[in-house]
């Protein structure tokens, strides 16, 4: 009887394995069919989603946090992409975005130009030449490095005023997300006049109210829109700090699709910029929630793809990894507790700019700060650390107290302190580090790293995005899918707006 049960169990296991294999094969075949939909055609509708700072660990941590695959990870085409710049192994957003936009390697901080400052046309500009409508959306300022690389050609990403004028002159149909950093030229060596007024003169309707934004219709013409509350440096608030009055990245994306849809097609670039900013500060909870919002934005494009599978290409990538996020921490050995990140109620930014600022104004001791920490980060000061994972050990409390004293004294971060706190508030960084450690996450840097990123794709020409390749190939393969000669397209000296001040 015992032998029969064992034999029967083995048979059932084989049957189950065969069934799972067949099911998996069907799923893969269905995915392949979708990926090759419209094979041999050119893509009429093209989406490029860039998760700034979103490397392999950011995607994996976000999926682990919600306990299921991200939409971007379920796409049929999956590749690994190197990100190095022309003059540095660890890239920056300007050089990387220029590579993704033009197919040309360039130097750190260069926007839309090659290493010799020669302007190169972007896939967005080439799409416009095809008669397509073009949209640019970002959760940071729309003149920041990544969005700027699709419409500007300047010597450095810091030339925000010149970039703002390039935006106004671009002729693109839809800009939305964050605001403009220097439209009037306060930081420029040679101001060109008010770029916002120029944009309005060139036919852009400026919208900053959510109700007015959501009411926009395709007949309203060219749009320049941003959220009413720009939390930091003209960027959208972190997702975890938003209220119902804020416009989310998925809402900006959905409206962009509605406004751009037309018979000749469109190109839309959407950047999840604050994934990177959260990682610079080593705030895993903020990074994950912004990554999930970015994934929700991609779902808007996937819904459009479902209606136009033979005409649409969606590509999702990252420009680089940021923070050196590791999915493992010595303090938790081989265990992970991503659920504890749900105890964090605000981003490091809101904690620093609002909660800690108010606390400093009123004055108070570390004992007074303890209940604030417990409420905002879920960390506990009472109990047994061995029985409750969220209870702080004595050495952790001491670490927090030291950071609290540094924050309250207003000391500037300098020298060796950088390795502890980066350029951020000591208490804020220490809190996120402790919480991340309890989740089983670690960080190696406050800067970008050189590890490859994931690239995912679905739709017309998406099979080209399987495998291993460099970031310049993302642009070249998109060009090919769009029916454009896959090579760098240099702009004429008179046709490009290149500034060198």
Protein backbone atom coordinates (compact mmCIF):
# COMPACT_ATOMS: atom_id res chain seq x y z
CA UNK A 1 0.00 0.00 0.00
CA UNK A 2 2.84 2.32 0.87
CA UNK A 3 4.54 1.65 -2.48
CA UNK A 4 1.29 2.29 -4.37
CA UNK A 5 0.78 5.64 -2.63
CA UNK A 6 4.29 6.69 -3.50
CA UNK A 7 3.85 5.57 -7.09
CA UNK A 8 0.48 7.33 -7.33
CA UNK A 9 1.99 10.50 -5.88
CA UNK A 10 4.79 10.40 -8.42
CA UNK A 11 2.29 9.96 -11.25
CA UNK A 12 0.22 12.91 -10.05
CA UNK A 13 3.35 15.02 -9.72
CA UNK A 14 4.33 14.17 -13.30
CA UNK A 15 0.84 15.00 -14.55
CA UNK A 16 0.87 18.30 -12.64
CA UNK A 17 4.31 19.16 -13.96
CA UNK A 18 3.21 18.38 -17.51
CA UNK A 19 0.10 20.53 -17.08
CA UNK A 20 2.12 23.44 -15.72
CA UNK A 21 4.60 23.05 -18.56
CA UNK A 22 1.83 23.10 -21.16
CA UNK A 23 0.17 26.08 -19.46
CA UNK A 24 3.46 27.93 -19.31
CA UNK A 25 4.10 27.11 -22.96
CA UNK A 26 0.68 28.44 -23.96
CA UNK A 27 1.28 31.63 -21.97
CA UNK A 28 4.65 32.12 -23.62
CA UNK A 29 3.20 31.41 -27.07
CA UNK A 30 0.42 33.92 -26.44
CA UNK A 31 2.98 36.49 -25.28
CA UNK A 32 5.10 35.80 -28.36
CA UNK A 33 2.09 36.27 -30.61
CA UNK A 34 1.32 39.58 -28.96
CA UNK A 35 4.94 40.68 -29.20
CA UNK A 36 5.01 39.92 -32.90
CA UNK A 37 1.64 41.51 -33.59
CA UNK A 38 2.01 43.68 -36.61
CA UNK A 39 5.42 42.16 -37.44
CA UNK A 40 6.75 43.69 -40.64
CA UNK A 41 4.80 46.89 -40.05
CA UNK A 42 6.02 50.15 -38.62
CA UNK A 43 4.83 51.40 -35.26
CA UNK A 44 2.23 54.12 -35.55
CA UNK A 45 1.99 54.70 -31.81
CA UNK A 46 5.25 54.65 -29.83
CA UNK A 47 5.66 54.83 -26.07
CA UNK A 48 9.00 55.14 -24.27
CA UNK A 49 8.86 54.90 -20.48
CA UNK A 50 12.05 55.75 -18.57
CA UNK A 51 12.31 54.96 -14.89
CA UNK A 52 15.05 57.32 -13.76
CA UNK A 53 17.30 55.45 -11.34
CA UNK A 54 15.25 52.28 -11.89
CA UNK A 55 17.66 49.37 -12.09
CA UNK A 56 17.07 45.67 -11.60
CA UNK A 57 16.83 45.91 -7.78
CA UNK A 58 14.28 48.74 -7.83
CA UNK A 59 11.99 46.67 -10.04
CA UNK A 60 12.50 43.51 -7.99
CA UNK A 61 11.94 45.25 -4.65
CA UNK A 62 8.72 46.84 -5.91
CA UNK A 63 7.40 43.49 -7.12
CA UNK A 64 8.31 41.85 -3.80
CA UNK A 65 6.57 44.65 -1.89
CA UNK A 66 3.22 44.00 -3.61
CA UNK A 67 3.76 40.26 -3.88
CA UNK A 68 3.28 39.96 -7.64
CA UNK A 69 4.88 40.82 -10.96
CA UNK A 70 4.93 44.37 -12.18
CA UNK A 71 3.18 44.98 -15.48
CA UNK A 72 6.53 45.87 -17.02
CA UNK A 73 8.03 42.55 -15.91
CA UNK A 74 5.21 40.64 -17.61
CA UNK A 75 5.93 42.09 -21.05
CA UNK A 76 6.99 39.46 -23.60
CA UNK A 77 10.30 41.06 -24.59
CA UNK A 78 12.91 41.41 -21.85
CA UNK A 79 16.47 42.66 -22.18
CA UNK A 80 19.49 43.74 -20.16
CA UNK A 81 20.91 47.15 -21.05
CA UNK A 82 24.28 48.72 -20.28
CA UNK A 83 24.30 52.41 -19.45
CA UNK A 84 27.88 53.80 -19.48
CA UNK A 85 28.53 57.30 -20.83
CA UNK A 86 31.14 58.25 -23.44
CA UNK A 87 33.55 59.62 -20.84
CA UNK A 88 32.57 57.78 -17.63
CA UNK A 89 31.55 54.27 -16.70
CA UNK A 90 28.88 55.44 -14.24
CA UNK A 91 26.53 57.56 -16.30
CA UNK A 92 24.37 60.56 -15.51
CA UNK A 93 20.80 61.22 -16.61
CA UNK A 94 21.77 63.69 -19.34
CA UNK A 95 24.24 61.40 -21.10
CA UNK A 96 22.01 58.36 -20.67
CA UNK A 97 18.84 60.11 -21.83
CA UNK A 98 20.69 61.49 -24.86
CA UNK A 99 21.75 57.94 -25.75
CA UNK A 100 18.17 56.70 -25.35
CA UNK A 101 16.83 59.60 -27.40
CA UNK A 102 19.39 59.75 -30.24
CA UNK A 103 21.38 56.51 -30.39
CA UNK A 104 24.62 58.42 -29.73
CA UNK A 105 26.99 58.08 -26.78
CA UNK A 106 27.85 61.43 -25.27
CA UNK A 107 29.58 62.96 -22.27
CA UNK A 108 28.28 63.61 -18.78
CA UNK A 109 25.85 66.57 -18.61
CA UNK A 110 25.53 66.95 -22.41
CA UNK A 111 21.97 67.23 -23.74
CA UNK A 112 21.06 66.25 -27.30
CA UNK A 113 24.60 66.64 -28.65
CA UNK A 114 27.48 64.27 -29.34
CA UNK A 115 30.86 64.56 -27.55
CA UNK A 116 31.88 67.30 -30.01
CA UNK A 117 28.71 69.32 -29.28
CA UNK A 118 27.25 68.41 -32.65
CA UNK A 119 23.42 68.32 -32.32
CA UNK A 120 21.69 65.01 -32.96
CA UNK A 121 18.01 64.64 -33.78
CA UNK A 122 15.98 62.72 -31.22
CA UNK A 123 13.40 60.00 -31.80
CA UNK A 124 10.79 62.53 -30.66
CA UNK A 125 11.94 65.07 -33.26
CA UNK A 126 12.10 62.36 -35.93
CA UNK A 127 8.56 61.29 -35.00
CA UNK A 128 7.43 64.90 -35.42
CA UNK A 129 9.00 64.94 -38.88
CA UNK A 130 6.90 61.86 -39.70
CA UNK A 131 3.78 63.87 -38.90
CA UNK A 132 3.19 62.25 -35.52
CA UNK A 133 2.12 64.18 -32.46
CA UNK A 134 4.66 64.22 -29.64
CA UNK A 135 4.26 64.29 -25.87
CA UNK A 136 6.73 64.57 -22.98
CA UNK A 137 5.66 63.74 -19.40
CA UNK A 138 7.81 63.65 -16.26
CA UNK A 139 7.32 63.51 -12.51
CA UNK A 140 10.17 66.01 -12.15
CA UNK A 141 10.49 69.35 -13.94
CA UNK A 142 9.87 68.99 -17.68
CA UNK A 143 13.16 70.80 -18.32
CA UNK A 144 15.14 68.29 -16.26
CA UNK A 145 17.86 66.19 -17.92
CA UNK A 146 15.78 63.23 -19.10
CA UNK A 147 12.84 65.08 -20.70
CA UNK A 148 15.15 67.82 -22.04
CA UNK A 149 17.21 65.24 -23.95
CA UNK A 150 14.23 64.67 -26.26
CA UNK A 151 13.80 68.27 -27.43
CA UNK A 152 16.85 70.39 -26.47
CA UNK A 153 20.46 70.56 -27.70
CA UNK A 154 22.64 72.33 -25.14
CA UNK A 155 26.12 72.08 -23.68
CA UNK A 156 24.98 71.23 -20.18
CA UNK A 157 21.82 70.06 -18.43
CA UNK A 158 22.12 73.04 -16.07
CA UNK A 159 21.14 75.47 -18.83
CA UNK A 160 17.51 75.37 -17.74
CA UNK A 161 16.64 78.74 -19.24
CA UNK A 162 17.89 77.74 -22.68
CA UNK A 163 16.15 74.38 -22.31
CA UNK A 164 12.89 76.17 -21.45
CA UNK A 165 13.19 78.15 -24.68
CA UNK A 166 13.88 74.95 -26.61
CA UNK A 167 10.64 73.58 -25.15
CA UNK A 168 8.72 76.65 -26.26
CA UNK A 169 10.20 76.36 -29.77
CA UNK A 170 9.89 72.56 -30.08
CA UNK A 171 6.42 72.44 -31.59
CA UNK A 172 5.70 69.33 -29.53
CA UNK A 173 2.06 68.88 -28.66
CA UNK A 174 2.00 67.99 -24.97
CA UNK A 175 4.28 68.72 -22.02
CA UNK A 176 3.16 67.80 -18.51
CA UNK A 177 4.20 66.84 -15.00
CA UNK A 178 6.61 69.13 -13.17
CA UNK A 179 7.19 72.80 -13.88
CA UNK A 180 9.97 74.93 -15.38
CA UNK A 181 13.12 75.74 -13.42
CA UNK A 182 14.28 78.97 -15.08
CA UNK A 183 11.80 80.38 -17.61
CA UNK A 184 12.83 84.02 -17.03
CA UNK A 185 16.59 83.45 -17.16
CA UNK A 186 17.58 84.40 -13.62
CA UNK A 187 20.36 81.79 -13.71
CA UNK A 188 21.42 82.34 -17.32
CA UNK A 189 24.48 84.24 -18.51
CA UNK A 190 22.55 85.50 -21.53
CA UNK A 191 18.79 85.58 -20.83
CA UNK A 192 16.58 85.07 -23.87
CA UNK A 193 13.38 86.50 -22.43
CA UNK A 194 10.46 84.84 -20.70
CA UNK A 195 10.21 81.27 -22.03
CA UNK A 196 6.75 80.77 -20.56
CA UNK A 197 5.42 83.81 -22.39
CA UNK A 198 7.08 82.52 -25.56
CA UNK A 199 5.38 79.15 -25.09
CA UNK A 200 2.00 80.86 -24.75
CA UNK A 201 2.76 82.99 -27.82
CA UNK A 202 3.61 79.79 -29.71
CA UNK A 203 0.19 78.37 -28.94
CA UNK A 204 0.65 76.45 -25.71
CA UNK A 205 -2.20 76.46 -23.23
CA UNK A 206 -0.76 76.54 -19.70
CA UNK A 207 -2.74 74.54 -17.13
CA UNK A 208 -1.89 74.06 -13.44
CA UNK A 209 -5.29 73.26 -11.91
CA UNK A 210 -6.30 69.60 -11.63
CA UNK A 211 -9.94 70.16 -12.51
CA UNK A 212 -9.01 72.18 -15.59
CA UNK A 213 -6.40 69.59 -16.56
CA UNK A 214 -8.76 66.65 -16.31
CA UNK A 215 -11.28 68.56 -18.42
CA UNK A 216 -8.87 69.03 -21.34
CA UNK A 217 -10.01 67.71 -24.71
CA UNK A 218 -8.01 66.98 -27.91
CA UNK A 219 -9.38 70.10 -29.55
CA UNK A 220 -7.68 72.29 -26.94
CA UNK A 221 -4.42 72.32 -28.89
CA UNK A 222 -0.88 72.26 -27.52
CA UNK A 223 -0.59 71.86 -23.76
CA UNK A 224 1.96 72.77 -21.08
CA UNK A 225 0.67 71.53 -17.74
CA UNK A 226 2.02 70.92 -14.27
CA UNK A 227 0.71 70.01 -10.86
CA UNK A 228 -0.33 72.92 -8.65
CA UNK A 229 1.85 71.69 -5.75
CA UNK A 230 5.46 71.18 -6.78
CA UNK A 231 7.10 69.71 -3.70
CA UNK A 232 10.80 70.11 -4.42
CA UNK A 233 12.75 71.73 -7.25
CA UNK A 234 9.67 72.11 -9.48
CA UNK A 235 8.87 68.37 -9.25
CA UNK A 236 5.68 66.48 -8.43
CA UNK A 237 5.29 65.40 -4.81
CA UNK A 238 6.42 61.89 -3.91
CA UNK A 239 3.50 59.53 -4.43
CA UNK A 240 3.22 58.78 -0.71
CA UNK A 241 2.87 62.52 0.02
CA UNK A 242 0.18 63.24 -2.57
CA UNK A 243 -3.42 64.13 -1.83
CA UNK A 244 -6.55 63.93 -3.97
CA UNK A 245 -5.80 67.46 -5.20
CA UNK A 246 -2.61 66.31 -6.96
CA UNK A 247 -2.32 65.00 -10.51
CA UNK A 248 -0.59 61.63 -10.53
CA UNK A 249 1.84 60.33 -13.14
CA UNK A 250 -0.75 57.78 -14.38
CA UNK A 251 -3.29 60.60 -14.76
CA UNK A 252 -0.80 62.71 -16.70
CA UNK A 253 -0.07 59.69 -18.90
CA UNK A 254 -3.74 58.90 -19.53
CA UNK A 255 -4.45 62.51 -20.50
CA UNK A 256 -1.41 62.58 -22.78
CA UNK A 257 -2.72 59.53 -24.65
CA UNK A 258 -6.15 61.13 -24.99
CA UNK A 259 -4.71 64.41 -26.27
CA UNK A 260 -2.18 62.87 -28.66
CA UNK A 261 -4.30 60.17 -30.28
CA UNK A 262 -4.78 60.92 -33.99
CA UNK A 263 -4.76 59.22 -37.38
CA UNK A 264 -1.05 59.84 -37.99
CA UNK A 265 0.04 58.38 -34.66
CA UNK A 266 2.16 59.74 -31.84
CA UNK A 267 5.34 59.41 -29.79
CA UNK A 268 5.09 59.72 -26.01
CA UNK A 269 7.99 59.70 -23.53
CA UNK A 270 7.08 59.32 -19.85
CA UNK A 271 9.71 59.61 -17.11
CA UNK A 272 9.38 58.39 -13.55
CA UNK A 273 11.96 60.88 -12.29
CA UNK A 274 11.41 60.69 -8.56
CA UNK A 275 12.36 57.02 -8.38
CA UNK A 276 15.90 58.34 -8.80
CA UNK A 277 15.51 61.15 -6.28
CA UNK A 278 14.23 58.76 -3.62
CA UNK A 279 17.15 56.41 -4.26
CA UNK A 280 19.66 59.25 -3.97
CA UNK A 281 18.29 59.75 -0.46
CA UNK A 282 18.19 55.97 0.20
CA UNK A 283 14.44 56.06 0.85
CA UNK A 284 13.24 52.61 -0.26
CA UNK A 285 9.57 53.17 0.59
CA UNK A 286 9.39 56.36 -1.49
CA UNK A 287 11.28 54.72 -4.35
CA UNK A 288 9.03 51.65 -4.38
CA UNK A 289 5.80 53.64 -4.32
CA UNK A 290 7.02 55.86 -7.12
CA UNK A 291 8.06 52.76 -9.09
CA UNK A 292 4.57 51.32 -8.61
CA UNK A 293 3.05 54.59 -9.83
CA UNK A 294 5.38 54.42 -12.84
CA UNK A 295 4.16 50.86 -13.48
CA UNK A 296 0.57 52.10 -13.26
CA UNK A 297 1.45 54.70 -15.89
CA UNK A 298 2.66 51.93 -18.19
CA UNK A 299 -0.69 50.18 -17.66
CA UNK A 300 -2.35 53.19 -19.30
CA UNK A 301 -0.27 52.52 -22.40
CA UNK A 302 -1.01 48.79 -22.21
CA UNK A 303 -4.74 49.55 -22.22
CA UNK A 304 -4.19 51.59 -25.40
CA UNK A 305 -2.09 48.75 -26.84
CA UNK A 306 -4.93 46.30 -26.30
CA UNK A 307 -7.02 48.41 -28.70
CA UNK A 308 -4.19 48.85 -31.26
CA UNK A 309 -1.95 45.76 -30.93
CA UNK A 310 -0.81 45.78 -34.55
CA UNK A 311 0.18 49.45 -34.54
CA UNK A 312 1.71 50.11 -31.11
CA UNK A 313 5.16 49.72 -29.59
CA UNK A 314 5.77 50.17 -25.85
CA UNK A 315 9.35 50.22 -24.53
CA UNK A 316 10.20 50.51 -20.83
CA UNK A 317 13.72 51.02 -19.52
CA UNK A 318 15.82 52.78 -16.90
CA UNK A 319 18.55 55.33 -17.54
CA UNK A 320 20.74 53.93 -14.74
CA UNK A 321 20.53 52.40 -11.29
CA UNK A 322 20.75 54.72 -8.29
CA UNK A 323 21.81 54.16 -4.70
CA UNK A 324 23.33 50.72 -5.10
CA UNK A 325 20.20 49.11 -3.70
CA UNK A 326 20.80 45.56 -2.49
CA UNK A 327 18.05 43.00 -1.95
CA UNK A 328 19.56 41.65 1.22
CA UNK A 329 20.94 43.03 4.50
CA UNK A 330 23.33 41.40 6.95
CA UNK A 331 21.11 42.29 9.89
CA UNK A 332 18.28 40.08 8.64
CA UNK A 333 20.58 37.33 7.29
CA UNK A 334 18.59 35.68 4.49
CA UNK A 335 15.18 36.96 5.55
CA UNK A 336 13.15 39.75 3.94
CA UNK A 337 10.31 41.73 5.52
CA UNK A 338 9.22 44.17 2.82
CA UNK A 339 5.85 44.62 4.53
CA UNK A 340 7.49 46.78 7.23
CA UNK A 341 7.99 49.51 4.62
CA UNK A 342 4.24 50.10 4.86
CA UNK A 343 4.89 51.62 8.27
CA UNK A 344 6.51 54.64 6.63
CA UNK A 345 3.80 57.26 6.09
CA UNK A 346 5.78 60.12 4.52
CA UNK A 347 8.80 60.49 2.26
CA UNK A 348 12.15 61.67 3.59
CA UNK A 349 11.39 64.96 1.82
CA UNK A 350 8.15 65.68 3.63
CA UNK A 351 9.62 64.54 6.93
CA UNK A 352 12.57 66.92 6.48
CA UNK A 353 10.75 69.89 4.97
CA UNK A 354 7.60 69.86 7.09
CA UNK A 355 7.58 67.58 10.13
CA UNK A 356 11.18 68.06 11.25
CA UNK A 357 11.12 71.74 10.36
CA UNK A 358 8.06 72.31 12.57
CA UNK A 359 9.64 70.28 15.35
CA UNK A 360 12.80 72.38 15.26
CA UNK A 361 10.77 75.60 15.35
CA UNK A 362 8.98 74.48 18.50
CA UNK A 363 12.03 72.90 20.10
CA UNK A 364 12.05 69.57 21.85
CA UNK A 365 14.13 66.66 23.06
CA UNK A 366 14.83 63.26 21.60
CA UNK A 367 12.16 61.88 23.93
CA UNK A 368 9.68 64.26 22.32
CA UNK A 369 10.73 63.05 18.87
CA UNK A 370 10.19 59.34 19.65
CA UNK A 371 6.39 59.31 19.21
CA UNK A 372 6.76 61.28 15.97
CA UNK A 373 9.19 58.66 14.64
CA UNK A 374 6.85 55.85 15.72
CA UNK A 375 3.90 57.49 13.96
CA UNK A 376 5.69 58.30 10.71
CA UNK A 377 8.01 55.30 10.29
CA UNK A 378 6.46 52.51 12.37
CA UNK A 379 9.61 52.02 14.45
CA UNK A 380 9.11 51.20 18.14
CA UNK A 381 11.09 52.23 21.21
CA UNK A 382 9.38 49.91 23.69
CA UNK A 383 9.33 46.12 23.70
CA UNK A 384 11.60 43.19 22.98
CA UNK A 385 13.52 43.41 19.66
CA UNK A 386 13.67 39.61 19.56
CA UNK A 387 9.90 39.30 19.81
CA UNK A 388 8.92 42.30 17.66
CA UNK A 389 10.90 43.02 14.50
CA UNK A 390 10.03 46.73 14.60
CA UNK A 391 11.38 47.35 18.11
CA UNK A 392 14.68 49.18 17.99
CA UNK A 393 17.70 47.67 19.71
CA UNK A 394 19.70 49.83 22.12
CA UNK A 395 22.45 50.50 19.57
CA UNK A 396 19.84 51.56 17.00
CA UNK A 397 18.25 53.99 19.45
CA UNK A 398 21.69 55.44 20.13
CA UNK A 399 22.31 55.80 16.41
CA UNK A 400 19.03 57.67 16.03
CA UNK A 401 19.78 59.93 18.98
CA UNK A 402 23.17 60.88 17.54
CA UNK A 403 21.55 61.69 14.19
CA UNK A 404 18.80 63.66 15.96
CA UNK A 405 21.40 65.78 17.73
CA UNK A 406 23.18 66.46 14.42
CA UNK A 407 19.89 67.48 12.78
CA UNK A 408 18.85 69.75 15.62
CA UNK A 409 22.25 71.47 15.75
CA UNK A 410 22.01 72.37 12.07
CA UNK A 411 25.51 71.04 11.32
CA UNK A 412 26.43 70.95 7.66
CA UNK A 413 27.26 67.56 6.18
CA UNK A 414 30.93 67.51 5.24
CA UNK A 415 33.96 65.28 4.93
CA UNK A 416 33.46 61.78 6.29
CA UNK A 417 29.84 62.60 7.21
CA UNK A 418 28.94 62.18 3.54
CA UNK A 419 29.36 58.42 3.78
CA UNK A 420 26.81 58.38 6.60
CA UNK A 421 24.21 60.84 5.38
CA UNK A 422 24.98 61.83 1.80
CA UNK A 423 23.78 65.41 1.38
CA UNK A 424 20.60 64.83 3.35
CA UNK A 425 19.31 65.48 6.82
CA UNK A 426 21.03 63.08 9.28
CA UNK A 427 17.87 62.03 11.12
CA UNK A 428 15.88 61.47 7.93
CA UNK A 429 18.58 59.27 6.39
CA UNK A 430 19.15 57.32 9.59
CA UNK A 431 15.44 56.59 9.89
CA UNK A 432 15.15 55.28 6.34
CA UNK A 433 18.35 53.24 6.73
CA UNK A 434 17.08 51.59 9.91
CA UNK A 435 13.68 50.85 8.41
CA UNK A 436 15.19 49.56 5.16
CA UNK A 437 17.52 47.34 7.15
CA UNK A 438 14.59 45.82 8.99
CA UNK A 439 12.96 45.16 5.61
CA UNK A 440 16.11 43.36 4.46
CA UNK A 441 17.33 46.08 2.09
CA UNK A 442 20.67 47.84 1.99
CA UNK A 443 22.35 50.68 0.11
CA UNK A 444 25.93 51.13 -1.08
CA UNK A 445 25.80 54.70 -2.41
CA UNK A 446 23.93 57.99 -2.53
CA UNK A 447 24.78 58.23 -6.23
CA UNK A 448 24.28 56.34 -9.47
CA UNK A 449 25.93 52.98 -10.09
CA UNK A 450 27.11 51.26 -13.24
CA UNK A 451 25.02 48.09 -13.03
CA UNK A 452 22.88 47.29 -16.10
CA UNK A 453 19.15 47.98 -16.17
CA UNK A 454 16.17 46.03 -17.49
CA UNK A 455 14.44 46.93 -20.73
CA UNK A 456 10.97 45.56 -21.50
CA UNK A 457 8.82 45.85 -24.61
CA UNK A 458 5.61 44.76 -26.26
CA UNK A 459 4.09 45.34 -29.69
CA UNK A 460 5.42 46.18 -33.14
CA UNK A 461 9.13 45.38 -33.35
CA UNK A 462 9.34 44.46 -29.68
CA UNK A 463 11.20 41.21 -30.37
CA UNK A 464 14.29 43.36 -31.06
CA UNK A 465 14.39 44.30 -27.38
CA UNK A 466 15.17 40.78 -26.18
CA UNK A 467 18.72 39.96 -25.17
CA UNK A 468 21.65 42.09 -24.07
CA UNK A 469 22.53 45.44 -25.62
CA UNK A 470 23.59 49.02 -24.88
CA UNK A 471 21.34 52.02 -24.25
CA UNK A 472 22.10 53.53 -27.67
CA UNK A 473 20.47 50.43 -29.18
CA UNK A 474 17.18 51.31 -27.50
CA UNK A 475 16.95 54.43 -29.66
CA UNK A 476 18.17 52.69 -32.81
CA UNK A 477 15.72 49.79 -32.43
CA UNK A 478 12.86 52.20 -31.80
CA UNK A 479 13.82 54.07 -34.97
CA UNK A 480 13.74 50.83 -36.90
CA UNK A 481 10.29 49.98 -35.55
CA UNK A 482 9.13 53.46 -36.60
CA UNK A 483 10.39 52.99 -40.17
CA UNK A 484 13.30 55.37 -39.63
CA UNK A 485 16.86 54.52 -40.71
CA UNK A 486 18.42 53.20 -37.45
CA UNK A 487 21.43 55.48 -37.21
CA UNK A 488 22.34 58.82 -35.62
CA UNK A 489 20.56 61.65 -37.44
CA UNK A 490 22.60 64.82 -37.17
CA UNK A 491 20.76 68.12 -37.28
CA UNK A 492 21.83 71.01 -39.46
CA UNK A 493 23.73 73.86 -37.79
CA UNK A 494 20.85 76.24 -38.49
CA UNK A 495 18.10 73.84 -37.50
CA UNK A 496 19.33 73.02 -34.03
CA UNK A 497 19.22 75.19 -30.98
CA UNK A 498 22.67 74.71 -29.49
CA UNK A 499 23.75 76.96 -26.68
CA UNK A 500 27.30 77.09 -25.34
CA UNK A 501 27.20 79.62 -22.50
